[in-house]
């Protein structure tokens, strides 16, 4: 949880210094790391973000939204998540959802355990 908060805070600081105008849109694309599976953050303030899968997820995107509001920034935050998949899944199966509109910023990551066939194998 502490690592998630630190990562989100760093993202807020980085984006906050870009001088972007109010209402900047940001899309988070990821898996259970993004929606914080197994923690209360998973459904945290889900009403403040747009869950493109309509699953009521808040997760890291909602934390980000909360931090930006506290910093006086205005971001239109959306997320598209699916547990246990890499970025390839989203591009192959969810492009119709994530590509429905243009985004000012997209934050995405690959599979959490590096190689899905050999979890935790750095090779």
Protein backbone atom coordinates (compact mmCIF):
# COMPACT_ATOMS: atom_id res chain seq x y z
CA UNK A 1 0.00 0.00 0.00
CA UNK A 2 2.81 2.39 0.86
CA UNK A 3 4.54 1.69 -2.49
CA UNK A 4 1.30 2.38 -4.35
CA UNK A 5 0.86 5.72 -2.56
CA UNK A 6 4.44 6.74 -3.27
CA UNK A 7 4.15 5.82 -6.95
CA UNK A 8 0.89 7.74 -7.32
CA UNK A 9 2.33 10.77 -5.50
CA UNK A 10 5.35 10.80 -7.84
CA UNK A 11 3.04 10.61 -10.86
CA UNK A 12 1.00 13.54 -9.55
CA UNK A 13 4.15 15.58 -9.03
CA UNK A 14 5.46 14.77 -12.49
CA UNK A 15 2.19 15.59 -14.25
CA UNK A 16 1.56 18.62 -12.07
CA UNK A 17 4.72 20.26 -13.34
CA UNK A 18 3.84 19.89 -17.02
CA UNK A 19 1.59 22.96 -16.99
CA UNK A 20 -1.37 21.12 -18.49
CA UNK A 21 -4.73 22.84 -18.51
CA UNK A 22 -7.70 21.86 -16.39
CA UNK A 23 -9.64 18.80 -17.47
CA UNK A 24 -6.68 16.82 -18.80
CA UNK A 25 -7.76 13.26 -19.52
CA UNK A 26 -5.70 10.34 -18.25
CA UNK A 27 -6.31 6.64 -18.83
CA UNK A 28 -4.84 3.90 -16.66
CA UNK A 29 -4.57 0.51 -18.40
CA UNK A 30 -3.41 -2.44 -16.33
CA UNK A 31 -4.11 -5.45 -14.19
CA UNK A 32 -4.55 -6.24 -10.50
CA UNK A 33 -1.62 -3.99 -9.61
CA UNK A 34 -3.56 -1.07 -11.09
CA UNK A 35 -6.80 -1.87 -9.30
CA UNK A 36 -5.02 -2.90 -6.07
CA UNK A 37 -6.46 -6.40 -5.73
CA UNK A 38 -6.68 -7.60 -2.13
CA UNK A 39 -6.71 -4.12 -0.61
CA UNK A 40 -9.40 -1.60 0.33
CA UNK A 41 -8.05 0.63 -2.45
CA UNK A 42 -9.72 -1.60 -5.06
CA UNK A 43 -13.10 0.10 -4.58
CA UNK A 44 -11.78 3.37 -3.09
CA UNK A 45 -13.75 6.37 -4.39
CA UNK A 46 -14.82 4.51 -7.51
CA UNK A 47 -17.42 7.21 -8.12
CA UNK A 48 -14.65 9.75 -8.85
CA UNK A 49 -13.21 7.89 -11.86
CA UNK A 50 -14.61 6.29 -15.00
CA UNK A 51 -14.27 2.51 -14.94
CA UNK A 52 -14.52 1.63 -18.63
CA UNK A 53 -15.47 -1.96 -17.70
CA UNK A 54 -18.24 -0.82 -15.31
CA UNK A 55 -16.93 -2.99 -12.46
CA UNK A 56 -16.95 -0.30 -9.77
CA UNK A 57 -13.16 -0.18 -9.51
CA UNK A 58 -11.35 2.80 -8.01
CA UNK A 59 -7.85 1.49 -7.34
CA UNK A 60 -4.69 3.42 -8.08
CA UNK A 61 -6.51 5.70 -10.55
CA UNK A 62 -8.86 6.87 -7.77
CA UNK A 63 -5.88 7.46 -5.48
CA UNK A 64 -4.30 9.50 -8.27
CA UNK A 65 -7.53 11.49 -8.71
CA UNK A 66 -7.70 12.16 -4.96
CA UNK A 67 -4.09 13.39 -4.87
CA UNK A 68 -4.63 15.65 -7.89
CA UNK A 69 -7.72 17.18 -6.30
CA UNK A 70 -5.76 17.84 -3.12
CA UNK A 71 -3.08 19.53 -5.25
CA UNK A 72 -5.71 21.72 -6.92
CA UNK A 73 -5.43 19.96 -10.29
CA UNK A 74 -8.32 18.86 -12.49
CA UNK A 75 -7.93 15.48 -14.24
CA UNK A 76 -10.57 13.42 -15.99
CA UNK A 77 -9.44 9.95 -14.82
CA UNK A 78 -10.47 6.66 -16.42
CA UNK A 79 -9.31 3.07 -16.10
CA UNK A 80 -9.53 -0.19 -18.00
CA UNK A 81 -8.25 -3.14 -15.99
CA UNK A 82 -8.26 -6.93 -16.04
CA UNK A 83 -6.51 -9.10 -13.46
CA UNK A 84 -3.72 -11.43 -14.50
CA UNK A 85 -3.07 -10.04 -17.97
CA UNK A 86 -0.42 -8.02 -19.75
CA UNK A 87 -0.70 -5.02 -22.03
CA UNK A 88 -1.07 -7.37 -24.99
CA UNK A 89 -4.49 -8.46 -23.69
CA UNK A 90 -5.75 -4.89 -23.59
CA UNK A 91 -4.49 -4.14 -27.10
CA UNK A 92 -5.94 -7.35 -28.55
CA UNK A 93 -9.28 -7.39 -26.68
CA UNK A 94 -10.08 -3.95 -25.34
CA UNK A 95 -8.93 -1.56 -28.04
CA UNK A 96 -12.56 -0.76 -28.83
CA UNK A 97 -13.00 0.39 -25.23
CA UNK A 98 -9.72 2.23 -24.67
CA UNK A 99 -9.57 3.65 -28.18
CA UNK A 100 -13.09 5.07 -28.10
CA UNK A 101 -11.69 8.55 -27.48
CA UNK A 102 -8.38 10.34 -27.46
CA UNK A 103 -6.49 10.62 -24.18
CA UNK A 104 -4.02 13.31 -23.15
CA UNK A 105 -2.05 10.82 -21.03
CA UNK A 106 -2.05 7.01 -20.90
CA UNK A 107 -0.41 5.05 -18.09
CA UNK A 108 -0.05 1.34 -18.87
CA UNK A 109 2.08 -1.57 -17.75
CA UNK A 110 2.80 -5.15 -18.72
CA UNK A 111 2.32 -8.37 -16.85
CA UNK A 112 3.18 -8.03 -13.15
CA UNK A 113 5.32 -11.14 -12.80
CA UNK A 114 7.41 -10.51 -15.92
CA UNK A 115 6.82 -13.76 -17.83
CA UNK A 116 3.33 -15.25 -17.46
CA UNK A 117 4.66 -18.75 -18.21
CA UNK A 118 7.53 -18.43 -15.69
CA UNK A 119 6.41 -16.07 -12.92
CA UNK A 120 9.24 -14.24 -11.11
CA UNK A 121 11.86 -15.50 -13.59
CA UNK A 122 13.85 -12.38 -14.59
CA UNK A 123 15.39 -14.16 -17.57
